[in-house]
Amino acid sequence: MYSWSLLLTLAILSTALAAPSSSETSSAPAPSPTVPYASDDPNYPLWNLDSDITPEPIRGGSGATILGPQNRLLDLQNPDALAPPTTDNGDVPNFKWPFSLSHNRLYTGGWARGQNVKDVPCATDIAAVNMRLEAGAIREMHWHIDAEWAYMLAGYVRVSTVTPDGKVYLADVGPGDLWYFPAGFPHNIQAKNTTEEGAEFLLIFDSGSFSEDSTFLLIDWLAHVPKEVIAKNFQVDTSAFDHIPSRGLFIFPSDPPPPNAIDDMVVPNDTPVNYTFPLSQVNGTKSAGGTYKVVDSTMFTASTTISAAEITVEVNGTRELHWHPTEPEWTYFISGEARISVYASSSNARTSDFQAGDIAYIPPTFGHYVENTGNTTLKFLEIFKSGLFRDVSLSQWLALTPPEHVKAHLQVDDATIAKFSRDKQVVVGPAQPAPTYARSQSLKSQLHTETDSLDAYSPHVRNLPRGFGEK
């Protein structure tokens, strides 16, 4: 006698053999993916700076509470470091540096703090200095082996340079404006008294190893030259230099310059190019989620080794997914809060959070975005060691690739492909409102989800930020 299991097997086989082929059916089933589909688990930052919680390294069912000491304030600033999105993977070098961690140098008249490859080992091509001058204060006349590009953060300064062939340039620079001095060009900077506070600016150098300690200073040089040689050089008596300081001053107080730049000129400007650029007077190009200004050597002719973009991103907007073909991106956040995820190939990805005064350094070709995660407009600079600004937009690449080829990769439909932009968007707005942060522990009533489960976010109520999910 046949066993029941054998009879059941024969029945299943006969049913399968009698079933129509795929060509006989009206609609074939969707093909199985070569690999599982990417997860659609939510990966929003789990808290922000204002969250009244104790952050924990928990996301979904992964992680555990902290039992030892914790720097709560630092963890509040870095939710994607303590509880990274599940899309992060592998080993990507740290690409964040806050100027707040830079060792500051204090002077009578101001201060200066820097960032270079010692702070961010992957930042091999660009270094920076954040400098403050009180009204009238002078940055000692100097030069250096690297080119200097500058962005005015606040106040007004007067800058001047003399070229190797004896040409002269002097001009005033205000908030949002730029200057550029090629490598080896002597120059000086003095804060005007237009505002009582003086001025603050950002200096960019086209070498990651640049250090203010290696600047060539006028006073420091002459303090280390025999005085009789100085007298012979200028054809004066040695007593004329009896009051040279014994060392460089770097930053020191002085009387403010004349209000009108023309009154401060020894001779009229006669350089073939301008070494300042009024970026503040350039209208930003409007995009769906913000604005952008690009400045490179095509408009700021003198700036042959540095280019930049000044970008604003509205709340919930994003600097679109993109990469830069050959240049690293040095990013400085002027206002707002942001997150950046970088893709470094070979399944390596890392996400970091940024606030005003922070620096990001993204190596060339790394895919990335910049997302506004705050509740105010995000403003930042993208700076490149190149005379020309270049980037590759992911949306534009897909829009200009044969549609069937894109479908084969991403398994998307024609309607989705039609939304890919053939033009660079630079900044895009939100496709839908992003969740905000939970303000109470009644999270199930605040989270607008299709399920009552909070497991996708965190099993611990105290790990969810205030206002999360509120409309």
Protein backbone atom coordinates (compact mmCIF):
# COMPACT_ATOMS: atom_id res chain seq x y z
CA MET A 1 0.00 0.00 0.00
CA TYR A 2 1.09 3.47 -0.68
CA SER A 3 1.77 5.62 2.33
CA TRP A 4 -0.19 8.84 2.78
CA SER A 5 3.04 10.87 2.37
CA LEU A 6 3.77 9.18 -0.98
CA LEU A 7 0.23 9.82 -2.22
CA LEU A 8 0.49 13.49 -1.20
CA THR A 9 3.78 13.86 -3.06
CA LEU A 10 2.31 12.32 -6.24
CA ALA A 11 -0.66 14.67 -6.04
CA ILE A 12 1.55 17.72 -5.76
CA LEU A 13 3.66 16.58 -8.72
CA SER A 14 0.63 15.96 -10.90
CA THR A 15 -0.75 19.41 -10.08
CA ALA A 16 2.54 21.05 -10.95
CA LEU A 17 2.77 19.20 -14.28
CA ALA A 18 -0.77 20.23 -15.17
CA ALA A 19 -0.24 23.91 -14.39
CA PRO A 20 0.02 26.22 -17.41
CA SER A 21 3.43 27.60 -18.34
CA SER A 22 4.32 31.24 -17.76
CA SER A 23 3.63 31.94 -21.42
CA GLU A 24 0.07 30.68 -20.95
CA THR A 25 -0.72 32.90 -17.99
CA SER A 26 -2.08 36.40 -18.34
CA SER A 27 0.49 37.97 -15.99
CA ALA A 28 3.86 36.56 -15.05
CA PRO A 29 5.07 36.93 -11.48
CA ALA A 30 7.74 39.56 -10.77
CA PRO A 31 11.27 38.17 -11.18
CA SER A 32 13.12 37.32 -8.01
CA PRO A 33 15.88 39.76 -7.10
CA THR A 34 19.46 38.68 -7.62
CA VAL A 35 20.07 39.70 -4.02
CA PRO A 36 17.54 40.77 -1.36
CA TYR A 37 16.05 44.22 -1.80
CA ALA A 38 17.61 47.07 0.19
CA SER A 39 16.01 47.62 3.57
CA ASP A 40 13.38 50.34 3.89
CA ASP A 41 13.80 50.63 7.66
CA PRO A 42 13.66 54.27 8.85
CA ASN A 43 17.08 55.76 9.49
CA TYR A 44 16.36 59.28 10.70
CA PRO A 45 18.66 60.77 13.36
CA LEU A 46 17.19 59.59 16.66
CA TRP A 47 17.62 62.88 18.53
CA ASN A 48 18.98 66.40 18.15
CA LEU A 49 20.73 69.06 20.23
CA ASP A 50 17.50 70.14 21.92
CA SER A 51 16.33 66.66 22.89
CA ASP A 52 15.66 66.31 26.60
CA ILE A 53 16.89 62.73 26.74
CA THR A 54 19.93 60.66 27.57
CA PRO A 55 21.20 59.31 24.23
CA GLU A 56 21.82 55.59 23.96
CA PRO A 57 23.54 53.51 21.26
CA ILE A 58 20.35 51.70 20.26
CA ARG A 59 18.58 51.55 16.91
CA GLY A 60 15.78 49.07 16.36
CA GLY A 61 16.72 45.81 18.01
CA SER A 62 20.48 46.47 17.92
CA GLY A 63 22.72 47.99 20.56
CA ALA A 64 22.42 48.34 24.31
CA THR A 65 22.37 51.01 26.99
CA ILE A 66 25.53 52.67 28.30
CA LEU A 67 26.48 51.50 31.80
CA GLY A 68 29.70 53.47 32.17
CA PRO A 69 30.49 57.20 31.98
CA GLN A 70 29.01 59.19 29.11
CA ASN A 71 29.65 62.61 27.54
CA ARG A 72 25.97 63.41 27.10
CA LEU A 73 26.46 66.80 25.41
CA LEU A 74 28.81 65.32 22.82
CA ASP A 75 26.44 62.43 22.15
CA LEU A 76 23.56 64.87 21.64
CA GLN A 77 25.62 66.54 18.90
CA ASN A 78 26.40 63.25 17.18
CA PRO A 79 23.35 60.98 17.00
CA ASP A 80 24.58 59.21 13.88
CA ALA A 81 27.88 58.35 15.54
CA LEU A 82 26.32 56.83 18.67
CA ALA A 83 23.33 55.23 16.91
CA PRO A 84 24.34 55.11 13.22
CA PRO A 85 21.84 54.38 10.47
CA THR A 86 21.72 50.78 9.34
CA THR A 87 23.05 51.89 5.96
CA ASP A 88 26.45 52.66 7.50
CA ASN A 89 28.98 49.92 6.92
CA GLY A 90 32.68 49.10 6.91
CA ASP A 91 35.58 51.34 7.80
CA VAL A 92 35.49 54.95 6.57
CA PRO A 93 38.02 57.44 8.04
CA ASN A 94 36.67 60.18 10.26
CA PHE A 95 35.73 63.17 8.09
CA LYS A 96 34.48 65.57 10.76
CA TRP A 97 36.35 68.19 12.77
CA PRO A 98 34.82 70.91 14.97
CA PHE A 99 36.84 74.12 15.18
CA SER A 100 35.87 74.03 18.87
CA LEU A 101 38.44 71.24 19.30
CA SER A 102 41.23 73.21 17.63
CA HIS A 103 43.84 74.66 19.99
CA ASN A 104 43.35 78.42 19.98
CA ARG A 105 46.18 80.98 19.96
CA LEU A 106 45.35 84.17 21.84
CA TYR A 107 46.98 87.53 21.07
CA THR A 108 46.51 91.13 22.11
CA GLY A 109 44.07 92.07 19.38
CA GLY A 110 42.60 88.72 18.39
CA TRP A 111 43.02 84.97 18.07
CA ALA A 112 43.60 82.21 15.51
CA ARG A 113 42.83 78.50 15.44
CA GLY A 114 43.57 76.03 12.69
CA GLN A 115 42.79 72.62 11.23
CA ASN A 116 45.12 70.53 9.11
CA VAL A 117 46.04 66.94 8.34
CA LYS A 118 47.12 66.36 11.95
CA ASP A 119 43.51 66.89 13.03
CA VAL A 120 41.87 65.07 10.11
CA PRO A 121 44.37 62.58 8.62
CA CYS A 122 42.37 62.14 5.40
CA ALA A 123 42.39 65.94 4.76
CA THR A 124 45.55 65.88 2.68
CA ASP A 125 44.80 68.68 0.21
CA ILE A 126 43.25 71.54 2.18
CA ALA A 127 43.88 73.15 5.58
CA ALA A 128 42.17 76.08 7.26
CA VAL A 129 42.51 78.82 9.86
CA ASN A 130 39.68 80.65 11.62
CA MET A 131 40.90 84.12 12.63
CA ARG A 132 39.52 87.04 14.63
CA LEU A 133 40.84 90.63 14.63
CA GLU A 134 39.57 93.36 16.93
CA ALA A 135 38.89 96.75 15.34
CA GLY A 136 42.20 98.18 14.10
CA ALA A 137 44.14 94.98 14.84
CA ILE A 138 46.69 93.82 12.27
CA ARG A 139 47.62 90.37 11.08
CA GLU A 140 51.37 90.77 10.81
CA MET A 141 52.69 91.29 7.26
CA HIS A 142 53.63 87.83 6.00
CA TRP A 143 53.73 85.28 3.21
CA HIS A 144 53.64 81.49 2.97
CA ILE A 145 54.40 78.65 0.59
CA ASP A 146 50.71 77.89 -0.03
CA ALA A 147 48.00 79.97 -1.68
CA GLU A 148 45.44 81.65 0.62
CA TRP A 149 41.70 81.90 -0.11
CA ALA A 150 39.51 83.70 2.42
CA TYR A 151 35.82 84.11 3.23
CA MET A 152 34.62 86.96 5.46
CA LEU A 153 32.34 85.71 8.24
CA ALA A 154 31.75 89.04 9.97
CA GLY A 155 33.02 92.63 9.93
CA TYR A 156 35.30 94.38 7.45
CA VAL A 157 39.02 94.22 6.73
CA ARG A 158 41.48 95.94 4.43
CA VAL A 159 43.86 93.66 2.57
CA SER A 160 46.79 94.42 0.31
CA THR A 161 49.51 92.62 -1.61
CA VAL A 162 52.50 93.38 -3.81
CA THR A 163 53.15 90.97 -6.68
CA PRO A 164 56.64 89.64 -7.55
CA ASP A 165 56.80 92.13 -10.43
CA GLY A 166 56.01 95.08 -8.14
CA LYS A 167 52.31 95.53 -8.93
CA VAL A 168 50.05 96.69 -6.08
CA TYR A 169 46.55 95.73 -4.98
CA LEU A 170 44.59 97.07 -1.98
CA ALA A 171 40.87 96.72 -1.22
CA ASP A 172 38.24 96.42 1.50
CA VAL A 173 36.35 93.16 2.07
CA GLY A 174 33.05 92.68 3.94
CA PRO A 175 30.78 89.84 5.09
CA GLY A 176 30.40 87.11 2.47
CA ASP A 177 33.24 88.47 0.31
CA LEU A 178 36.50 86.80 -0.68
CA TRP A 179 40.19 87.37 -1.23
CA TYR A 180 42.92 85.22 -2.75
CA PHE A 181 46.71 85.54 -2.60
CA PRO A 182 48.89 83.18 -4.64
CA ALA A 183 51.68 81.25 -2.95
CA GLY A 184 54.60 83.45 -1.95
CA PHE A 185 52.77 86.77 -2.43
CA PRO A 186 53.41 89.08 0.58
CA HIS A 187 50.21 90.45 2.08
CA ASN A 188 48.70 92.02 5.14
CA ILE A 189 45.25 92.22 6.76
CA GLN A 190 43.83 94.87 9.08
CA ALA A 191 40.38 95.02 10.66
CA LYS A 192 38.46 98.21 10.02
CA ASN A 193 36.45 99.95 12.72
CA THR A 194 33.24 99.76 10.66
CA THR A 195 31.89 97.64 13.51
CA GLU A 196 33.03 97.84 17.13
CA GLU A 197 33.71 94.12 17.23
CA GLY A 198 36.22 94.11 14.37
CA ALA A 199 36.22 91.13 12.02
CA GLU A 200 36.33 87.35 11.74
CA PHE A 201 37.20 85.31 8.66
CA LEU A 202 38.01 81.85 7.35
CA LEU A 203 41.35 81.21 5.65
CA ILE A 204 41.76 78.25 3.27
CA PHE A 205 45.15 76.91 2.12
CA ASP A 206 45.76 74.57 -0.80
CA SER A 207 47.81 72.10 1.24
CA GLY A 208 46.59 69.81 3.98
CA SER A 209 49.85 70.17 5.91
CA PHE A 210 49.72 73.97 6.15
CA SER A 211 50.36 75.36 9.64
CA GLU A 212 50.29 78.95 10.88
CA ASP A 213 53.47 78.09 12.78
CA SER A 214 55.34 77.97 9.46
CA THR A 215 54.19 81.39 8.19
CA PHE A 216 56.96 83.75 7.09
CA LEU A 217 56.51 86.87 9.27
CA LEU A 218 58.03 90.29 8.55
CA ILE A 219 58.98 91.12 12.16
CA ASP A 220 60.12 87.60 12.92
CA TRP A 221 62.43 87.66 9.89
CA LEU A 222 64.08 90.98 10.67
CA ALA A 223 64.47 90.02 14.34
CA HIS A 224 66.73 87.23 13.07
CA VAL A 225 68.85 89.30 10.69
CA PRO A 226 71.94 91.15 12.00
CA LYS A 227 70.95 94.77 12.44
CA GLU A 228 73.92 96.06 10.44
CA VAL A 229 72.75 93.95 7.48
CA ILE A 230 69.28 95.47 7.75
CA ALA A 231 70.78 98.98 7.84
CA LYS A 232 72.93 98.21 4.79
CA ASN A 233 69.94 96.82 2.90
CA PHE A 234 67.87 99.99 3.42
CA GLN A 235 70.86 102.37 3.32
CA VAL A 236 70.05 103.91 6.71
CA ASP A 237 71.74 104.09 10.08
CA THR A 238 71.40 101.06 12.38
CA SER A 239 69.66 103.23 14.97
CA ALA A 240 66.64 103.44 12.64
CA PHE A 241 65.80 99.88 13.67
CA ASP A 242 66.34 100.12 17.40
CA HIS A 243 62.72 99.27 18.13
CA ILE A 244 62.21 96.13 16.08
CA PRO A 245 60.38 93.67 18.35
CA SER A 246 62.46 90.66 19.37
CA ARG A 247 60.00 88.20 17.87
CA GLY A 248 57.00 88.07 15.56
CA LEU A 249 53.75 89.55 16.85
CA PHE A 250 51.40 87.59 14.55
CA ILE A 251 48.33 89.63 15.62
CA PHE A 252 48.64 92.99 17.38
CA PRO A 253 46.53 96.11 18.03
CA SER A 254 46.88 99.32 16.02
CA ASP A 255 44.95 102.39 14.95
CA PRO A 256 42.24 101.59 12.35
CA PRO A 257 43.02 102.34 8.70
CA PRO A 258 41.51 105.40 6.95
CA PRO A 259 37.81 104.87 6.11
CA ASN A 260 38.45 105.27 2.38
CA ALA A 261 40.73 102.64 0.82
CA ILE A 262 42.05 105.18 -1.71
CA ASP A 263 43.51 107.24 1.13
CA ASP A 264 45.55 104.21 2.21
CA MET A 265 47.12 103.51 -1.19
CA VAL A 266 50.80 104.33 -1.74
CA VAL A 267 50.15 104.09 -5.48
CA PRO A 268 46.89 103.29 -7.33
CA ASN A 269 46.11 99.62 -7.85
CA ASP A 270 47.84 98.40 -10.99
CA THR A 271 47.60 94.58 -10.91
CA PRO A 272 46.17 92.92 -14.03
CA VAL A 273 43.59 91.03 -11.90
CA ASN A 274 41.70 91.77 -8.69
CA TYR A 275 42.66 89.77 -5.60
CA THR A 276 39.26 90.27 -3.91
CA PHE A 277 35.80 89.21 -5.05
CA PRO A 278 32.41 90.63 -3.91
CA LEU A 279 30.57 87.32 -3.53
CA SER A 280 28.05 89.01 -1.22
CA GLN A 281 26.80 91.00 -4.21
CA VAL A 282 26.18 87.91 -6.36
CA ASN A 283 22.58 86.69 -6.42
CA GLY A 284 22.25 83.04 -5.49
CA THR A 285 20.71 80.66 -8.00
CA LYS A 286 17.39 79.40 -6.65
CA SER A 287 16.73 75.68 -6.50
CA ALA A 288 13.84 73.58 -5.19
CA GLY A 289 15.28 73.37 -1.68
CA GLY A 290 17.55 76.40 -1.35
CA THR A 291 20.11 78.52 -3.20
CA TYR A 292 23.70 78.26 -4.37
CA LYS A 293 26.51 80.49 -5.59
CA VAL A 294 29.52 79.05 -7.40
CA VAL A 295 32.74 81.05 -7.58
CA ASP A 296 35.82 79.83 -9.44
CA SER A 297 38.52 81.13 -11.76
CA THR A 298 36.02 81.77 -14.56
CA MET A 299 34.76 84.77 -12.56
CA PHE A 300 37.36 85.27 -9.79
CA THR A 301 40.33 85.18 -12.16
CA ALA A 302 43.06 85.41 -9.55
CA SER A 303 41.86 82.29 -7.70
CA THR A 304 43.60 79.64 -9.77
CA THR A 305 43.89 76.91 -7.12
CA ILE A 306 40.71 77.30 -5.04
CA SER A 307 37.03 77.28 -6.05
CA ALA A 308 33.94 77.21 -3.89
CA ALA A 309 30.17 77.13 -3.64
CA GLU A 310 28.11 78.97 -1.01
CA ILE A 311 24.95 76.94 -0.41
CA THR A 312 21.77 77.37 1.59
CA VAL A 313 19.39 74.48 2.24
CA GLU A 314 15.88 75.05 3.53
CA VAL A 315 14.41 73.00 6.40
CA ASN A 316 14.10 69.32 5.35
CA GLY A 317 15.96 70.08 2.10
CA THR A 318 19.07 68.28 0.84
CA ARG A 319 22.16 69.07 -1.18
CA GLU A 320 21.53 66.42 -3.81
CA LEU A 321 23.38 63.09 -4.03
CA HIS A 322 26.58 63.79 -5.95
CA TRP A 323 30.35 63.47 -6.04
CA HIS A 324 33.34 65.43 -7.27
CA PRO A 325 35.44 63.70 -9.95
CA THR A 326 38.99 64.55 -8.88
CA GLU A 327 38.89 67.10 -6.05
CA PRO A 328 38.27 66.65 -2.33
CA GLU A 329 35.54 68.77 -0.78
CA TRP A 330 36.36 70.82 2.33
CA THR A 331 33.04 71.91 3.85
CA TYR A 332 32.48 74.58 6.50
CA PHE A 333 29.11 75.01 8.22
CA ILE A 334 28.17 78.64 8.85
CA SER A 335 24.71 78.10 10.37
CA GLY A 336 22.19 75.35 11.00
CA GLU A 337 22.46 71.59 11.56
CA ALA A 338 23.27 68.91 9.01
CA ARG A 339 24.05 65.28 8.42
CA ILE A 340 26.30 63.84 5.73
CA SER A 341 26.60 60.22 4.63
CA VAL A 342 29.61 59.37 2.49
CA TYR A 343 29.92 56.30 0.28
CA ALA A 344 33.53 55.19 -0.13
CA SER A 345 32.98 52.19 -2.47
CA SER A 346 33.26 48.50 -1.54
CA SER A 347 30.12 48.79 0.64
CA ASN A 348 31.85 51.28 2.96
CA ALA A 349 29.65 54.13 4.20
CA ARG A 350 29.61 56.44 7.22
CA THR A 351 27.26 59.13 8.52
CA SER A 352 28.18 62.16 10.64
CA ASP A 353 26.32 65.13 12.09
CA PHE A 354 27.41 68.76 11.88
CA GLN A 355 26.68 72.08 13.54
CA ALA A 356 27.84 75.65 12.83
CA GLY A 357 31.62 75.90 13.10
CA ASP A 358 32.21 72.27 12.10
CA ILE A 359 34.30 71.07 9.18
CA ALA A 360 33.75 68.11 6.84
CA TYR A 361 36.39 66.71 4.52
CA ILE A 362 35.15 64.42 1.75
CA PRO A 363 37.80 62.73 -0.44
CA PRO A 364 37.44 62.89 -4.23
CA THR A 365 34.87 60.57 -5.88
CA PHE A 366 33.12 59.76 -2.57
CA GLY A 367 29.35 59.84 -3.11
CA HIS A 368 27.56 62.01 -0.56
CA TYR A 369 24.69 64.36 0.30
CA VAL A 370 24.20 67.16 2.85
CA GLU A 371 20.82 67.11 4.59
CA ASN A 372 19.33 69.90 6.68
CA THR A 373 18.35 68.19 9.94
CA GLY A 374 17.65 71.37 11.90
CA ASN A 375 14.69 73.74 12.10
CA THR A 376 16.44 76.73 10.48
CA THR A 377 18.07 77.36 7.13
CA LEU A 378 21.38 75.53 6.71
CA LYS A 379 24.26 77.54 5.22
CA PHE A 380 27.67 76.16 4.32
CA LEU A 381 30.66 76.45 2.02
CA GLU A 382 31.96 73.76 -0.29
CA ILE A 383 35.62 74.46 -1.08
CA PHE A 384 37.87 72.69 -3.58
CA LYS A 385 41.56 72.61 -4.43
CA SER A 386 40.90 73.48 -8.05
CA GLY A 387 40.45 76.58 -10.13
CA LEU A 388 37.20 75.11 -11.48
CA PHE A 389 34.12 73.87 -9.66
CA ARG A 390 32.92 70.45 -10.86
CA ASP A 391 30.45 67.90 -9.54
CA VAL A 392 28.45 64.95 -10.86
CA SER A 393 24.73 64.81 -10.05
CA LEU A 394 23.31 61.32 -9.49
CA SER A 395 19.86 62.40 -10.69
CA GLN A 396 21.27 63.93 -13.87
CA TRP A 397 23.38 60.85 -14.58
CA LEU A 398 20.35 58.56 -14.29
CA ALA A 399 18.12 60.92 -16.30
CA LEU A 400 20.59 60.96 -19.20
CA THR A 401 21.20 57.20 -19.22
CA PRO A 402 19.00 54.92 -21.40
CA PRO A 403 15.86 54.23 -19.31
CA GLU A 404 15.90 50.45 -19.79
CA HIS A 405 19.46 50.38 -18.48
CA VAL A 406 18.40 52.28 -15.35
CA LYS A 407 15.40 49.94 -14.87
CA ALA A 408 17.70 46.92 -15.03
CA HIS A 409 19.76 48.37 -12.17
CA LEU A 410 17.19 49.91 -9.85
CA GLN A 411 13.96 48.04 -10.72
CA VAL A 412 12.04 51.32 -10.95
CA ASP A 413 9.17 52.23 -13.28
CA ASP A 414 8.85 54.83 -16.02
CA ALA A 415 7.05 57.28 -13.73
CA THR A 416 9.98 57.28 -11.33
CA ILE A 417 12.55 57.71 -14.10
CA ALA A 418 10.54 60.64 -15.48
CA LYS A 419 11.15 62.47 -12.19
CA PHE A 420 14.93 62.24 -12.50
CA SER A 421 16.22 65.67 -13.47
CA ARG A 422 18.21 66.18 -16.64
CA ASP A 423 19.62 69.33 -15.06
CA LYS A 424 21.61 69.54 -11.86
CA GLN A 425 19.34 70.47 -8.99
CA VAL A 426 22.17 71.12 -6.49
CA VAL A 427 19.64 71.59 -3.67
CA VAL A 428 16.37 69.63 -3.53
CA GLY A 429 13.36 70.03 -1.30
CA PRO A 430 11.76 67.24 0.73
CA ALA A 431 9.58 64.73 -1.12
CA GLN A 432 7.44 64.63 2.03
CA PRO A 433 7.69 66.27 5.46
CA ALA A 434 10.43 64.68 7.53
CA PRO A 435 9.60 63.58 11.07
CA THR A 436 10.44 65.98 13.85
CA TYR A 437 11.33 65.09 17.41
CA ALA A 438 9.12 63.59 20.15
CA ARG A 439 8.32 65.98 23.02
CA SER A 440 6.77 63.49 25.40
CA GLN A 441 6.85 59.83 26.19
CA SER A 442 3.42 59.20 24.58
CA LEU A 443 5.20 58.17 21.39
CA LYS A 444 2.63 55.83 19.89
CA SER A 445 0.13 58.65 19.64
CA GLN A 446 2.73 60.95 18.05
CA LEU A 447 4.39 58.63 15.56
CA HIS A 448 2.37 58.72 12.36
CA THR A 449 3.14 55.21 11.17
CA GLU A 450 1.10 52.38 9.71
CA THR A 451 1.90 50.18 12.70
CA ASP A 452 1.75 50.55 16.44
CA SER A 453 5.20 49.05 16.77
CA LEU A 454 8.09 51.29 17.80
CA ASP A 455 10.65 48.56 17.21
CA ALA A 456 11.78 50.06 13.93
CA TYR A 457 12.95 53.14 15.82
CA SER A 458 14.03 51.97 19.24
CA PRO A 459 12.72 49.72 22.00
CA HIS A 460 13.62 52.38 24.56
CA VAL A 461 11.34 55.41 24.77
CA ARG A 462 14.05 57.64 26.20
CA ASN A 463 16.16 57.16 23.08
CA LEU A 464 13.63 58.83 20.82
CA PRO A 465 14.00 62.59 20.31
CA ARG A 466 11.47 65.21 21.24
CA GLY A 467 8.83 65.86 18.59
CA PHE A 468 9.69 62.74 16.57
CA GLY A 469 6.78 62.21 14.19
CA GLU A 470 4.92 65.41 15.03
CA LYS A 471 3.18 67.25 12.23
